[in-house]
Amino acid sequence: MGVIFTASADSHSYQHSSALFEPLMRWLFPHISAERMDLCHHYFRKCAHLTEYGIFALLVWRAIHQPRPGLPKPWLWKEMLITLAVVFLYSTTDEYHQSFVPTRTPLFSDCLIDTTGGALALAGAWALRKLRSGKRQ
């Protein structure tokens, strides 16, 4: 939560991340247009939302799930829903925090992207668990 909170500060705003992103893209793709660069940068930042909230969801789920070594615990959909609720609520507080940062813009669509990142990570964890349980049998 602390990492996400600090990422909402001015130092991680669009203007600051472009200082790193654009030179790398210009090195990889020297003839990229300004419009394409902006689009790539936009999608890169949204993928960062998906990733950070996916990791956050897995950590929250693990805390709620509390697995014990050697004892498999069944997948509970209630735990997944609680995890997604926590992810969504924290995402909304993050966007609220951004409303106080002059260089940031709070967007409800980012809350949806964040929650989607959490849902995708949980779906991946569920699929991995199914795959592993199938191999054991």
Protein backbone atom coordinates (compact mmCIF):
# COMPACT_ATOMS: atom_id res chain seq x y z
CA MET A 1 0.00 0.00 0.00
CA GLY A 2 2.92 2.29 0.73
CA VAL A 3 4.43 1.71 -2.69
CA ILE A 4 1.11 2.48 -4.37
CA PHE A 5 0.65 5.58 -2.22
CA THR A 6 4.08 6.96 -3.12
CA ALA A 7 3.45 6.17 -6.79
CA SER A 8 0.48 8.55 -6.60
CA ALA A 9 2.76 11.46 -5.80
CA ASP A 10 4.04 14.07 -8.22
CA SER A 11 7.31 12.20 -8.77
CA HIS A 12 5.42 9.47 -10.66
CA SER A 13 3.18 11.75 -12.69
CA TYR A 14 2.82 11.51 -16.45
CA GLN A 15 5.38 14.27 -16.96
CA HIS A 16 8.02 12.56 -14.83
CA SER A 17 7.52 9.05 -16.21
CA SER A 18 7.80 10.37 -19.76
CA ALA A 19 11.35 11.54 -18.95
CA LEU A 20 12.35 7.88 -18.69
CA PHE A 21 9.88 6.29 -21.08
CA GLU A 22 10.34 8.54 -24.13
CA PRO A 23 14.14 8.24 -24.45
CA LEU A 24 13.88 4.46 -24.21
CA MET A 25 11.15 4.35 -26.85
CA ARG A 26 13.11 6.72 -29.13
CA TRP A 27 16.15 4.46 -28.77
CA LEU A 28 14.11 1.34 -29.59
CA PHE A 29 11.97 2.99 -32.27
CA PRO A 30 13.79 6.06 -33.64
CA HIS A 31 11.05 6.96 -36.14
CA ILE A 32 8.06 6.74 -33.78
CA SER A 33 5.58 9.59 -34.17
CA ALA A 34 4.61 11.85 -31.27
CA GLU A 35 1.03 10.51 -31.38
CA ARG A 36 2.21 6.90 -31.25
CA MET A 37 4.62 7.79 -28.43
CA ASP A 38 1.78 9.31 -26.37
CA LEU A 39 -0.41 6.27 -27.00
CA CYS A 40 2.36 3.84 -25.99
CA HIS A 41 3.08 5.88 -22.88
CA HIS A 42 -0.60 5.90 -21.96
CA TYR A 43 -0.87 2.11 -22.32
CA PHE A 44 2.39 1.60 -20.45
CA ARG A 45 1.02 3.56 -17.49
CA LYS A 46 -2.27 1.63 -17.54
CA CYS A 47 -0.35 -1.67 -17.60
CA ALA A 48 1.54 -0.42 -14.55
CA HIS A 49 -1.86 0.05 -12.83
CA LEU A 50 -2.83 -3.52 -13.72
CA THR A 51 0.47 -4.89 -12.45
CA GLU A 52 0.72 -3.01 -9.16
CA TYR A 53 -2.85 -3.76 -8.19
CA GLY A 54 -2.49 -7.38 -9.32
CA ILE A 55 0.42 -7.79 -6.92
CA PHE A 56 -1.53 -5.97 -4.22
CA ALA A 57 -4.52 -8.31 -4.71
CA LEU A 58 -2.33 -11.40 -4.40
CA LEU A 59 -0.83 -10.08 -1.17
CA VAL A 60 -4.26 -9.21 0.27
CA TRP A 61 -5.65 -12.60 -0.77
CA ARG A 62 -2.71 -14.39 0.83
CA ALA A 63 -3.29 -12.48 4.08
CA ILE A 64 -6.99 -13.36 4.05
CA HIS A 65 -6.48 -16.95 2.88
CA GLN A 66 -3.79 -17.73 5.50
CA PRO A 67 -2.50 -21.01 4.07
CA ARG A 68 -0.83 -23.42 6.48
CA PRO A 69 2.27 -25.35 5.39
CA GLY A 70 1.38 -28.85 4.27
CA LEU A 71 -2.36 -28.33 4.63
CA PRO A 72 -4.15 -27.41 1.42
CA LYS A 73 -6.98 -24.98 2.00
CA PRO A 74 -9.84 -24.93 -0.48
CA TRP A 75 -10.38 -21.95 -2.73
CA LEU A 76 -13.11 -19.79 -1.24
CA TRP A 77 -14.87 -17.36 -3.55
CA LYS A 78 -15.82 -15.28 -0.51
CA GLU A 79 -12.11 -14.60 0.07
CA MET A 80 -11.71 -13.53 -3.54
CA LEU A 81 -14.66 -11.13 -3.30
CA ILE A 82 -13.33 -9.64 -0.06
CA THR A 83 -9.94 -9.20 -1.74
CA LEU A 84 -11.49 -7.44 -4.74
CA ALA A 85 -13.48 -5.19 -2.40
CA VAL A 86 -10.26 -4.22 -0.58
CA VAL A 87 -8.51 -3.58 -3.91
CA PHE A 88 -11.38 -1.42 -5.17
CA LEU A 89 -11.65 0.55 -1.93
CA TYR A 90 -7.92 1.19 -1.76
CA SER A 91 -7.94 2.21 -5.42
CA THR A 92 -10.64 4.79 -4.74
CA THR A 93 -8.65 6.22 -1.82
CA ASP A 94 -5.60 6.35 -4.10
CA GLU A 95 -7.53 8.32 -6.70
CA TYR A 96 -8.83 10.60 -3.93
CA HIS A 97 -5.23 11.17 -2.84
CA GLN A 98 -4.35 12.11 -6.42
CA SER A 99 -7.00 14.85 -6.32
CA PHE A 100 -4.68 16.73 -3.93
CA VAL A 101 -1.61 16.38 -6.17
CA PRO A 102 -1.52 19.22 -8.74
CA THR A 103 0.16 17.15 -11.47
CA ARG A 104 -2.15 14.13 -11.08
CA THR A 105 -5.70 13.57 -12.26
CA PRO A 106 -8.08 11.31 -10.33
CA LEU A 107 -10.02 9.05 -12.69
CA PHE A 108 -12.72 6.53 -11.83
CA SER A 109 -11.63 4.56 -14.90
CA ASP A 110 -8.30 3.98 -13.13
CA CYS A 111 -10.23 2.38 -10.24
CA LEU A 112 -11.79 0.01 -12.74
CA ILE A 113 -8.40 -0.75 -14.29
CA ASP A 114 -6.92 -1.34 -10.83
CA THR A 115 -9.72 -3.70 -9.84
CA THR A 116 -9.36 -5.51 -13.16
CA GLY A 117 -5.67 -5.98 -12.43
CA GLY A 118 -6.60 -7.52 -9.10
CA ALA A 119 -9.20 -9.76 -10.69
CA LEU A 120 -6.77 -10.95 -13.38
CA ALA A 121 -4.12 -11.78 -10.78
CA LEU A 122 -6.65 -13.72 -8.70
CA ALA A 123 -7.87 -15.56 -11.79
CA GLY A 124 -4.27 -16.47 -12.56
CA ALA A 125 -3.77 -17.74 -9.00
CA TRP A 126 -6.97 -19.77 -9.23
CA ALA A 127 -5.94 -21.27 -12.60
CA LEU A 128 -2.45 -22.09 -11.30
CA ARG A 129 -3.97 -23.77 -8.27
CA LYS A 130 -6.31 -25.82 -10.47
CA LEU A 131 -3.41 -26.81 -12.69
CA ARG A 132 -1.30 -27.88 -9.72
CA SER A 133 -4.13 -29.83 -8.09
CA GLY A 134 -4.75 -31.63 -11.38
CA LYS A 135 -1.10 -32.71 -11.58
CA ARG A 136 -1.20 -34.11 -8.02
CA GLN A 137 -4.15 -36.35 -8.80
